[in-house]
Amino acid sequence: MRSTEIAPSPAFHRLRQYYALTKPRVVSLIVFCAVIGMFLATPGMVPIRVLFAGTVGIALVAGAAAAVNCLIEQKIDALMARTRGRPLPSGEVNSLETLVLSGVLGGIGLSLLYRLANPLTMWLTLATFIGYAIIYTAFLKPNTSQNIVIGGASGAMPPVLGWAAVTNQTPGEAWLLFLIIFVWTPPHFWSLALYRAREYAAAGLPMLPVTHGAEYTRRYVFFYTVGLTLITLVPCVIGMTGLIYLVATVVLDGIFLRHAWIVWRRYSDAAARKSFRWSIMYLSLLFAALLVDHYLPLPLA
C-alpha cells in the first residue's frame, strides 16, 4: 500500500519561507550567547521579565538583520550553491515582503528591549543591527578581504547585549566575552571560505582565500586559533571563572588547535569542513562551560 504525504498548505509554506529568511540556525547561536551573558551578569536568577524581553527581543532583531542580509545579498546568493536555495534567489518571497518582515521583527524586538529591559540594551542592539545588516553586508563584505575581521564586531555583541539587559551596564567581563567571539570569528568563517573559495570568487566577493590565496588563509586560521586559546584563558587569570571552565577551555582549545593545525599543514576540503563545524560546537560548549562554572564554582586554588 503506497503511503501518501500531505503537502503543506500555501500559508504554512509561506511562513516557513519567512522563517528561513531569519537564518534560524545562526540566530539560535546568537541568542544562546546573549542568554549566557544574562546569567553571567548576576549571581542569582535573571528576572523573568528581563529574560523574556532579552531573549525574544534580541532574537527578533537578529532575525531582522538576517533578513536584510538576505535582501542585500540575493543576487550574490543566487550565484552560490550554498545559498541559491534561499527564499529570495529561489523566488519564494520578494524584496518587499522581506523588507516588511525585517521592519516588523526589528520594531517589535527593539520595543520589547526598550520597554521591558532598558534603553541601553535597545540602543546597543540597534547599533549591532546597523553594524551587521548595513555596514558589514553592504560595505565591508563586498569591498575588503578583512570583512570578517572588522564585521566580526557585530557578531561578537550578543553577550554584551545580554549583560546590559540585566545590569544596564557593560563592564569589562562582558567585553571579554565579546573579545572571545570576536577572535573566534575569523578562523570560523575562513574555514568555510577555504572550501567555498571558488564560489566566493565566482560571486565577486573578496574573501581572504580569493584575495590572498589558500596558504595565507590557512596560516591565519591557525594563528587566530592560537590567539583565541590565549584569550579564553584570561577569565581564569582575572578570577572570573574557576576549575570547571579551565578544564573545559583547555580541552576545547586543544581540539580546535588540532583542527586548525591540520587545516594549515595538511589541508583538505574535508579538514576545513570539520574545522568549520567544530568551531560552531566549540563556541556553544565554551559558553555552556561558562554557565556551569558560574553556578557551580570550583576555585582554582
Foldseek 3Di string as FASTA:
>chain_A
DDDDDDDDDLVVVLVVLLVVLLVVVLLVLLLLLLLLLQLLLDLDDFPPLLSVLLSQLLSLQSSLLSLLLCLLCVVLLCLAPVRCPRCDNVVVDHNVVSNVSSVVSNVVSLVSLPPRFHNVLSVLSVVLSCLRNPCLRPPLFLPDQCSQLVSQLSVLCSSQSSSCRRVVDRDPVSVLSSVLSSLLRLLLVLLVCLLRVVSCVVSNTNHPCVPPNQLVSLVVSLVSLVVSLVSQCVCLVVVSFADQLVVLSVVLSVVLNVLSVCCNPVNDNVSSVVNNVSSSVSSSSNSVSSSVRSNVPDHHD
